[in-house]
N, C-alpha and C. Protein backbone atom coordinates (compact mmCIF):
# COMPACT_ATOMS: atom_id res chain seq x y z
N MET A 1 298.29 14.37 170.27
CA MET A 1 297.49 14.52 168.94
C MET A 1 296.60 15.78 168.73
N ASN A 2 295.90 15.74 170.23
CA ASN A 2 294.71 16.72 170.69
C ASN A 2 295.45 18.20 170.05
N SER A 3 296.49 18.07 171.07
CA SER A 3 297.07 19.74 170.71
C SER A 3 297.05 19.91 169.43
N ASP A 4 298.07 18.81 169.10
CA ASP A 4 298.22 19.22 167.28
C ASP A 4 296.76 19.98 166.44
N LYS A 5 295.35 19.26 166.63
CA LYS A 5 294.05 19.40 166.21
C LYS A 5 293.98 21.05 167.12
N ILE A 6 294.03 21.38 168.11
CA ILE A 6 293.88 22.39 169.00
C ILE A 6 294.83 23.41 168.34
N ILE A 7 295.96 23.49 167.72
CA ILE A 7 297.28 24.38 167.16
C ILE A 7 296.32 24.67 166.09
N GLU A 8 295.72 23.85 165.28
CA GLU A 8 295.90 23.39 163.91
C GLU A 8 294.24 24.63 163.58
N LEU A 9 293.35 24.19 164.58
CA LEU A 9 291.78 25.10 164.82
C LEU A 9 292.29 26.35 165.02
N LEU A 10 293.43 26.75 165.71
CA LEU A 10 293.34 28.15 166.20
C LEU A 10 294.51 28.75 164.86
N PHE A 11 294.77 28.05 164.26
CA PHE A 11 295.97 29.10 163.25
C PHE A 11 294.52 29.47 162.01
N SER A 12 293.17 28.07 161.84
CA SER A 12 292.47 28.49 160.61
C SER A 12 291.80 29.41 161.48
N ILE A 13 291.14 29.55 162.77
CA ILE A 13 290.50 30.56 162.98
C ILE A 13 291.12 31.66 163.32
N LEU A 14 292.08 32.21 163.80
CA LEU A 14 292.56 33.21 163.89
C LEU A 14 293.01 34.16 162.81
N PRO A 15 293.23 33.74 161.06
CA PRO A 15 292.57 34.53 160.11
C PRO A 15 291.11 35.12 159.97
N ALA A 16 290.08 34.42 160.61
CA ALA A 16 289.09 35.19 160.42
C ALA A 16 288.33 35.72 161.87
N LEU A 17 289.31 35.69 162.51
CA LEU A 17 288.84 36.39 164.42
C LEU A 17 289.47 37.45 163.81
N ILE A 18 291.08 37.88 163.44
CA ILE A 18 291.45 39.11 162.57
C ILE A 18 290.89 39.80 161.36
N THR A 19 290.09 38.97 160.90
CA THR A 19 289.41 39.35 160.00
C THR A 19 288.10 40.23 160.70
N GLY A 20 287.43 39.70 161.23
CA GLY A 20 286.38 40.24 161.82
C GLY A 20 286.36 41.17 162.56
N ILE A 21 287.87 42.04 163.39
CA ILE A 21 288.14 42.42 164.47
C ILE A 21 288.23 43.98 163.56
N VAL A 22 288.66 43.84 162.26
CA VAL A 22 289.36 44.97 161.25
C VAL A 22 287.71 45.57 160.85
N ALA A 23 287.05 44.41 160.42
CA ALA A 23 285.52 44.48 159.91
C ALA A 23 284.95 45.34 161.03
N TYR A 24 285.04 44.77 162.30
CA TYR A 24 284.46 45.46 163.18
C TYR A 24 284.62 46.82 163.38
N TYR A 25 286.32 47.26 163.36
CA TYR A 25 286.38 48.96 163.29
C TYR A 25 286.47 49.56 161.91
N PHE A 26 286.31 48.98 161.14
CA PHE A 26 286.02 49.59 159.90
C PHE A 26 284.65 50.12 159.64
N PHE A 27 283.63 48.46 159.85
CA PHE A 27 282.45 49.60 160.21
C PHE A 27 281.82 50.91 161.29
N LYS A 28 282.69 50.56 162.07
CA LYS A 28 282.32 51.43 163.47
C LYS A 28 283.15 52.88 163.03
N MET A 29 284.25 52.98 162.24
CA MET A 29 284.81 54.07 161.65
C MET A 29 283.81 54.84 160.63
N HIS A 30 283.15 53.90 159.53
CA HIS A 30 282.28 54.18 158.59
C HIS A 30 281.02 55.27 159.15
N THR A 31 280.82 54.33 160.02
CA THR A 31 279.22 54.81 160.59
C THR A 31 279.59 56.07 161.94
N ALA A 32 280.86 56.15 162.17
CA ALA A 32 280.99 57.31 163.08
C ALA A 32 281.26 58.53 161.78
N ASN A 33 281.65 58.52 160.53
CA ASN A 33 282.19 59.31 159.75
C ASN A 33 281.05 59.58 158.81
N GLU A 34 279.67 58.74 158.76
CA GLU A 34 278.65 58.79 158.09
C GLU A 34 277.79 59.67 159.46
N GLU A 35 277.85 59.37 160.48
CA GLU A 35 277.28 60.54 161.40
C GLU A 35 277.56 61.26 161.16
N GLY A 36 279.07 61.88 161.28
CA GLY A 36 279.41 63.50 161.08
C GLY A 36 279.19 63.94 159.86
N ARG A 37 278.93 63.39 158.20
CA ARG A 37 278.92 63.81 157.26
C ARG A 37 277.53 64.58 157.63
N ARG A 38 276.37 63.86 158.25
CA ARG A 38 275.32 64.06 158.32
C ARG A 38 274.88 65.00 159.26
N ARG A 39 275.82 65.11 160.17
CA ARG A 39 275.61 66.34 160.89
C ARG A 39 276.21 67.51 160.46
N TYR A 40 276.65 67.40 159.40
CA TYR A 40 277.44 68.67 158.95
C TYR A 40 276.54 69.45 157.92
N LEU A 41 276.07 67.78 157.07
CA LEU A 41 274.99 68.39 156.11
C LEU A 41 273.83 69.18 156.82
N ILE A 42 273.25 68.27 157.74
CA ILE A 42 272.49 69.48 158.39
C ILE A 42 272.44 70.91 159.42
N GLN A 43 274.18 70.73 159.63
CA GLN A 43 274.12 72.42 160.22
C GLN A 43 274.53 73.36 159.27
N LYS A 44 274.88 72.36 157.69
CA LYS A 44 275.52 73.34 156.70
C LYS A 44 273.98 73.81 156.23
N GLU A 45 273.15 73.01 156.05
CA GLU A 45 271.54 73.66 155.79
C GLU A 45 270.96 74.68 156.96
N GLY A 46 271.18 74.09 157.40
CA GLY A 46 271.00 75.40 159.02
C GLY A 46 271.26 76.63 158.98
N GLN A 47 272.86 76.32 158.56
CA GLN A 47 273.32 78.34 158.15
C GLN A 47 272.66 78.70 156.91
N LYS A 48 272.61 78.04 156.45
CA LYS A 48 271.66 79.00 155.58
C LYS A 48 270.16 79.46 155.84
N ASP A 49 269.60 79.00 156.49
CA ASP A 49 268.85 80.00 157.30
C ASP A 49 268.53 80.80 158.34
N ILE A 50 269.36 80.35 159.25
CA ILE A 50 269.89 81.09 160.18
C ILE A 50 271.43 82.41 159.74
N MET A 51 271.79 82.57 159.15
CA MET A 51 272.84 83.48 158.30
C MET A 51 272.13 84.95 158.14
N PRO A 52 271.28 84.55 157.36
CA PRO A 52 270.26 86.47 157.22
C PRO A 52 269.53 87.27 158.60
N LEU A 53 269.00 85.45 159.70
CA LEU A 53 268.79 86.10 161.08
C LEU A 53 270.26 86.71 162.07
N ARG A 54 271.28 86.27 161.42
CA ARG A 54 271.95 86.49 162.47
C ARG A 54 272.17 87.62 161.92
N LEU A 55 272.81 88.09 160.77
CA LEU A 55 272.93 89.27 159.75
C LEU A 55 272.17 90.51 160.36
N GLN A 56 270.99 90.09 160.25
CA GLN A 56 270.27 91.25 160.59
C GLN A 56 270.28 91.66 162.33
N ALA A 57 270.40 90.69 163.03
CA ALA A 57 270.31 90.80 164.16
C ALA A 57 272.15 91.66 164.95
N TYR A 58 272.63 91.69 164.05
CA TYR A 58 274.05 92.31 164.04
C TYR A 58 273.62 93.87 162.98
N GLU A 59 272.95 93.55 162.25
CA GLU A 59 272.82 95.17 161.53
C GLU A 59 271.77 95.89 162.63
N ARG A 60 270.69 95.07 163.58
CA ARG A 60 270.17 96.09 164.02
C ARG A 60 270.82 96.73 165.75
N LEU A 61 271.94 95.77 166.57
CA LEU A 61 272.71 96.17 167.22
C LEU A 61 273.47 97.22 166.59
N ILE A 62 274.05 97.05 165.71
CA ILE A 62 274.84 97.97 165.12
C ILE A 62 274.03 99.55 165.31
N LEU A 63 272.50 99.88 164.82
CA LEU A 63 271.84 100.78 164.44
C LEU A 63 271.44 101.12 166.11
N PHE A 64 271.19 99.85 166.96
CA PHE A 64 270.66 100.43 168.87
C PHE A 64 271.98 101.13 168.74
N SER A 65 273.45 100.57 168.74
CA SER A 65 274.53 101.48 169.29
C SER A 65 274.77 103.02 168.78
N GLU A 66 274.05 102.77 167.58
CA GLU A 66 274.30 104.40 166.56
C GLU A 66 272.91 105.15 167.13
N ARG A 67 272.20 104.65 167.92
CA ARG A 67 270.97 105.53 168.12
C ARG A 67 271.47 105.91 170.08
N ILE A 68 271.96 105.07 170.81
CA ILE A 68 272.62 105.55 171.95
C ILE A 68 273.91 105.75 171.89
N ASN A 69 274.57 106.24 170.60
CA ASN A 69 275.81 106.94 171.14
C ASN A 69 275.36 108.20 171.18
N PRO A 70 275.74 109.02 172.81
CA PRO A 70 275.59 110.35 173.17
C PRO A 70 275.41 111.40 172.39
N ALA A 71 276.38 111.59 171.01
CA ALA A 71 276.37 112.68 170.57
C ALA A 71 275.25 112.91 169.21
N LYS A 72 275.05 111.27 169.22
CA LYS A 72 273.48 111.04 168.52
C LYS A 72 272.14 111.58 168.92
N LEU A 73 272.16 110.59 170.38
CA LEU A 73 270.79 111.06 171.27
C LEU A 73 270.80 111.66 171.37
N LEU A 74 272.03 113.55 171.59
CA LEU A 74 271.81 114.62 172.30
C LEU A 74 270.91 115.02 171.07
N THR A 75 271.52 114.61 169.83
CA THR A 75 271.04 115.86 168.55
C THR A 75 269.75 115.36 168.60
N ARG A 76 269.19 114.25 168.78
CA ARG A 76 267.98 113.65 168.08
C ARG A 76 266.98 113.75 169.48
N ILE A 77 267.34 114.28 170.42
CA ILE A 77 266.56 114.39 171.71
C ILE A 77 267.00 115.70 172.33
N SER A 78 265.74 116.37 172.42
CA SER A 78 265.60 117.64 172.33
C SER A 78 265.03 117.78 174.14
N PRO A 79 265.88 118.52 174.96
CA PRO A 79 265.27 118.70 176.23
C PRO A 79 263.90 119.19 175.99
N GLN A 80 262.93 118.95 177.00
CA GLN A 80 261.50 119.25 177.08
C GLN A 80 261.26 120.48 178.07
N SER A 81 262.06 120.73 179.01
CA SER A 81 262.24 121.73 179.72
C SER A 81 263.60 122.11 180.08
N SER A 82 263.79 123.01 180.79
CA SER A 82 265.43 123.56 181.08
C SER A 82 265.72 122.37 182.35
N ASP A 83 265.17 121.52 182.92
CA ASP A 83 265.48 120.85 184.03
C ASP A 83 266.45 119.73 183.75
N ASN A 84 267.60 119.69 184.40
CA ASN A 84 268.61 118.90 183.95
C ASN A 84 268.39 117.72 184.29
N LYS A 85 267.60 117.46 185.21
CA LYS A 85 267.36 115.74 186.40
C LYS A 85 266.30 115.70 185.48
N GLU A 86 264.73 115.98 184.51
CA GLU A 86 264.71 115.51 183.43
C GLU A 86 264.47 114.57 182.30
N TYR A 87 265.90 116.03 182.02
CA TYR A 87 266.52 116.02 180.72
C TYR A 87 266.76 114.72 180.69
N GLU A 88 267.74 114.36 182.09
CA GLU A 88 268.52 113.51 182.08
C GLU A 88 267.66 111.60 182.39
N ARG A 89 266.68 111.85 182.84
CA ARG A 89 265.70 110.99 182.73
C ARG A 89 265.23 110.48 181.73
N LEU A 90 264.93 111.48 180.72
CA LEU A 90 264.55 111.02 179.27
C LEU A 90 265.31 110.48 178.31
N LEU A 91 266.29 111.15 178.46
CA LEU A 91 267.72 110.48 178.43
C LEU A 91 268.00 109.06 178.66
N ILE A 92 268.06 108.54 179.76
CA ILE A 92 267.98 107.04 180.09
C ILE A 92 267.05 106.57 179.28
N SER A 93 265.85 106.96 179.55
CA SER A 93 264.82 105.97 179.55
C SER A 93 264.82 105.90 177.87
N GLU A 94 265.03 106.62 177.23
CA GLU A 94 265.00 106.15 175.69
C GLU A 94 266.47 105.22 175.81
N ILE A 95 267.04 105.28 175.82
CA ILE A 95 268.13 104.06 176.06
C ILE A 95 267.64 102.68 176.61
N GLU A 96 267.09 102.67 177.57
CA GLU A 96 266.54 101.98 178.33
C GLU A 96 265.52 101.20 176.99
N HIS A 97 264.61 102.17 176.41
CA HIS A 97 263.55 101.50 175.36
C HIS A 97 264.09 100.96 174.14
N GLU A 98 265.49 101.90 174.00
CA GLU A 98 266.03 101.32 172.61
C GLU A 98 266.13 99.66 173.17
N TYR A 99 266.99 99.51 174.05
CA TYR A 99 267.74 98.35 174.72
C TYR A 99 266.50 96.96 174.41
N GLU A 100 265.25 97.58 175.05
CA GLU A 100 264.40 96.44 175.55
C GLU A 100 264.02 96.06 173.90
N HIS A 101 263.91 97.36 173.22
CA HIS A 101 263.03 97.10 171.83
C HIS A 101 264.41 95.76 171.31
N ASN A 102 265.12 95.64 171.32
CA ASN A 102 266.06 94.57 170.67
C ASN A 102 266.83 93.68 171.84
N LEU A 103 266.10 93.37 172.92
CA LEU A 103 266.52 92.17 173.84
C LEU A 103 266.64 91.20 172.98
N THR A 104 266.07 90.48 172.09
CA THR A 104 265.51 89.61 171.49
C THR A 104 266.83 88.89 170.53
N GLN A 105 267.68 90.17 170.11
CA GLN A 105 268.86 89.85 169.49
C GLN A 105 269.54 89.37 169.58
N GLN A 106 269.81 88.77 170.93
CA GLN A 106 270.84 87.87 171.70
C GLN A 106 271.00 86.59 171.41
N ILE A 107 270.11 86.21 170.92
CA ILE A 107 270.57 84.64 170.74
C ILE A 107 270.63 84.04 169.41
N TYR A 108 270.69 85.52 168.54
CA TYR A 108 271.82 85.45 167.23
C TYR A 108 272.83 85.42 167.12
N ILE A 109 273.57 86.38 168.07
CA ILE A 109 274.99 86.97 168.20
C ILE A 109 275.69 86.09 169.26
N SER A 110 276.66 86.21 169.38
CA SER A 110 277.61 85.79 170.47
C SER A 110 277.15 86.19 171.86
N ALA A 111 277.89 85.29 173.24
CA ALA A 111 277.42 86.26 174.13
C ALA A 111 278.64 87.11 174.37
N GLU A 112 279.37 87.53 173.65
CA GLU A 112 280.46 87.81 174.33
C GLU A 112 280.27 89.68 173.82
N SER A 113 279.61 89.77 172.03
CA SER A 113 279.20 90.54 171.91
C SER A 113 278.17 91.53 172.14
N TRP A 114 276.91 90.51 172.85
CA TRP A 114 275.83 90.61 173.87
C TRP A 114 276.61 91.36 174.84
N ASP A 115 277.61 90.99 175.42
CA ASP A 115 278.13 91.59 176.75
C ASP A 115 278.53 93.01 176.51
N ILE A 116 279.15 93.35 175.41
CA ILE A 116 279.72 94.49 174.96
C ILE A 116 278.69 95.62 174.91
N ILE A 117 277.47 94.83 173.46
CA ILE A 117 276.38 95.87 173.83
C ILE A 117 275.41 95.88 175.44
N THR A 118 275.32 95.29 176.49
CA THR A 118 275.08 96.03 177.35
C THR A 118 275.91 96.64 178.09
N THR A 119 277.63 96.53 178.37
CA THR A 119 278.51 97.47 178.47
C THR A 119 278.07 98.83 177.96
N ALA A 120 278.06 98.55 176.59
CA ALA A 120 278.32 100.35 176.34
C ALA A 120 276.98 100.69 176.43
N LYS A 121 275.52 100.56 176.64
CA LYS A 121 274.34 100.81 176.99
C LYS A 121 274.61 101.10 178.75
N ASN A 122 275.28 100.17 179.83
CA ASN A 122 275.23 100.44 180.99
C ASN A 122 276.82 102.36 180.84
N ALA A 123 277.54 101.67 180.11
CA ALA A 123 278.16 102.88 180.10
C ALA A 123 277.79 104.25 179.86
N THR A 124 277.08 103.94 179.03
CA THR A 124 276.51 105.53 178.48
C THR A 124 275.83 105.97 179.66
N ILE A 125 275.04 105.12 179.78
CA ILE A 125 274.05 105.92 181.22
C ILE A 125 275.00 106.23 182.14
N GLN A 126 275.92 105.63 182.52
CA GLN A 126 276.53 106.25 183.20
C GLN A 126 276.86 107.76 183.21
N LEU A 127 278.05 107.32 181.91
CA LEU A 127 278.53 108.84 181.16
C LEU A 127 277.14 110.08 181.44
N ILE A 128 276.20 110.18 181.28
CA ILE A 128 275.40 110.89 181.35
C ILE A 128 275.13 111.18 182.82
N ILE A 129 275.19 110.13 183.38
CA ILE A 129 274.60 110.61 185.01
C ILE A 129 275.82 111.35 185.38
N GLN A 130 277.25 110.80 185.22
CA GLN A 130 278.51 111.25 185.24
C GLN A 130 278.12 112.50 185.49
N SER A 131 277.98 113.35 183.71
CA SER A 131 278.04 114.64 183.41
C SER A 131 276.60 115.31 184.09
N ASN A 132 275.80 115.27 184.51
CA ASN A 132 274.99 115.80 185.25
C ASN A 132 275.24 115.97 186.67
N MET A 133 276.42 115.51 187.46
CA MET A 133 277.12 115.30 188.35
C MET A 133 277.38 116.45 188.51
N LYS A 134 278.05 117.24 187.77
CA LYS A 134 279.00 117.98 187.60
C LYS A 134 278.76 119.69 188.07
N SER A 135 279.19 120.35 188.76
CA SER A 135 278.65 121.49 189.25
C SER A 135 278.30 122.61 188.70
N GLU A 136 278.81 122.79 187.21
CA GLU A 136 278.76 123.63 186.66
C GLU A 136 277.15 123.17 185.84
N ILE A 137 276.31 122.24 185.93
CA ILE A 137 275.29 122.03 185.77
C ILE A 137 274.20 122.46 185.90
N ASP A 138 273.44 123.51 185.31
CA ASP A 138 272.33 124.17 186.07
C ASP A 138 271.04 123.81 184.97
N SER A 139 271.16 123.39 183.76
CA SER A 139 270.71 123.52 182.95
C SER A 139 270.50 121.83 182.00
N ALA A 140 269.35 122.16 181.10
CA ALA A 140 269.60 120.25 180.54
C ALA A 140 270.03 121.18 179.47
N ASP A 141 270.15 122.64 178.97
CA ASP A 141 271.29 122.83 177.50
C ASP A 141 272.48 122.61 177.98
N LYS A 142 272.67 122.58 179.19
CA LYS A 142 274.15 122.89 179.82
C LYS A 142 274.71 122.03 179.68
N LEU A 143 273.84 120.63 180.30
CA LEU A 143 273.99 119.22 180.58
C LEU A 143 274.24 118.83 178.99
N ARG A 144 273.82 118.66 178.12
CA ARG A 144 274.09 118.74 176.35
C ARG A 144 275.32 119.48 176.11
N GLU A 145 275.11 120.63 176.13
CA GLU A 145 276.52 121.26 175.85
C GLU A 145 277.85 120.35 176.04
N VAL A 146 278.40 120.63 178.11
CA VAL A 146 279.25 119.73 178.23
C VAL A 146 279.27 118.13 177.91
N MET A 147 278.30 117.87 177.68
CA MET A 147 278.06 116.08 177.41
C MET A 147 279.42 115.87 176.03
N LEU A 148 278.49 116.54 174.86
CA LEU A 148 278.92 117.02 173.75
C LEU A 148 280.74 117.20 173.68
N LYS A 149 280.81 118.21 174.63
CA LYS A 149 282.15 118.86 174.44
C LYS A 149 283.10 117.65 174.97
N ASP A 150 282.81 117.12 176.13
CA ASP A 150 283.10 115.67 176.90
C ASP A 150 283.81 114.59 175.36
N LEU A 151 282.40 114.31 174.99
CA LEU A 151 282.44 113.69 174.13
C LEU A 151 283.65 113.83 172.85
N PHE A 152 284.44 115.13 172.13
CA PHE A 152 285.26 115.59 171.89
C PHE A 152 286.37 114.92 172.58
N ASP A 153 287.11 114.80 173.95
CA ASP A 153 287.50 114.25 174.08
C ASP A 153 288.57 112.76 174.20
N GLN A 154 286.87 111.93 174.09
CA GLN A 154 287.02 110.19 174.50
C GLN A 154 286.27 109.88 173.30
N GLN A 155 286.42 108.68 173.31
CA GLN A 155 285.49 107.50 172.91
C GLN A 155 284.71 106.74 173.46
N SER A 156 283.19 106.96 172.81
CA SER A 156 282.59 106.57 172.80
C SER A 156 282.13 105.57 173.42
N PRO A 157 281.76 104.80 174.45
CA PRO A 157 281.41 103.53 174.35
C PRO A 157 280.35 102.30 172.93
N CYS A 158 279.71 103.13 172.89
CA CYS A 158 278.95 102.69 171.41
C CYS A 158 279.78 102.41 170.06
N SER A 159 281.08 103.76 170.11
CA SER A 159 281.67 103.46 169.26
C SER A 159 282.57 102.18 168.83
N VAL A 160 283.31 101.61 170.45
CA VAL A 160 283.52 100.47 170.89
C VAL A 160 282.93 99.14 170.25
N ALA A 161 281.77 99.08 170.97
CA ALA A 161 280.84 98.11 170.35
C ALA A 161 280.41 98.06 168.91
N VAL A 162 280.36 99.60 168.23
CA VAL A 162 280.16 98.81 166.90
C VAL A 162 281.69 98.45 166.44
N ALA A 163 282.59 98.98 167.05
CA ALA A 163 283.73 98.38 166.18
C ALA A 163 284.04 96.70 166.25
N TYR A 164 283.74 96.42 167.57
CA TYR A 164 283.48 95.06 167.77
C TYR A 164 282.78 94.38 167.34
N LEU A 165 281.38 94.65 166.83
CA LEU A 165 280.14 93.62 166.00
C LEU A 165 280.83 93.59 165.07
N LYS A 166 281.34 94.73 163.71
CA LYS A 166 281.58 95.24 162.68
C LYS A 166 283.05 93.44 162.55
N ASN A 167 283.70 93.65 163.75
CA ASN A 167 284.54 92.65 163.53
C ASN A 167 284.77 91.55 163.52
N GLU A 168 283.44 91.47 164.53
CA GLU A 168 283.00 90.02 164.71
C GLU A 168 282.11 89.61 163.31
N VAL A 169 281.47 90.25 162.63
CA VAL A 169 280.90 90.24 161.58
C VAL A 169 281.67 89.80 160.61
N SER A 170 283.21 89.74 160.50
CA SER A 170 284.03 90.21 158.82
C SER A 170 284.33 88.63 159.84
N GLU A 171 284.26 88.17 160.87
CA GLU A 171 285.31 86.88 161.13
C GLU A 171 283.79 85.96 159.86
N MET A 172 282.85 86.17 160.21
CA MET A 172 282.23 84.94 160.23
C MET A 172 281.97 84.79 157.94
N TRP A 173 283.08 85.35 157.94
CA TRP A 173 283.08 84.83 156.10
C TRP A 173 284.64 84.29 156.10
C-alpha cells in the first residue's frame, strides 16, 4: 500500500515538476532575450552618436592620404634651397607632422584601416628616400622631377589607402 501512495504522489508531483522546469527555461530565455534587446537598443542609441565621429575620422584620414600623396605633396611644398637632402627632410617632416596631427582618428576606424594608413605613410617616406638615392639626383628640383616622373608609372600608396577607406565607409551602410 505504501508503494501505491508513493506512485500516486509521484504522478501528482510529476506534472508540477515538469511545469516548473518548463517555466524556468522559458523565464531564462525571456530574460536573456530582454537583455539582448536592451543591449541592442543601447548600441543603436550609441551608433547615432558615434557614426558622425566615425565618418569624420574617415574624412580626415582621406584628407591626410591626399595631403601626403607624393604628387600633391611635391606640388604643395617647394624646395627652400637646392639641397636635395634638405628637401627630403622637409617632405618627410611634413608627412610626419600630418600623421601626428591625425593620430587620434585611429580610435574611430578599424585596425586594418589604420594599418593601411600607417603603411601608406611609411611607403611614401620610403619612396622619397629611394628616389633621393638615385645617382642622377643632384638637386631638390631634380628630386622633384624624378619623383613626379616615377609616379606616372606606378600607383601611389596613398591612392591605395584612399580606395580602401572609401570601400570600408561604403560597407557601413
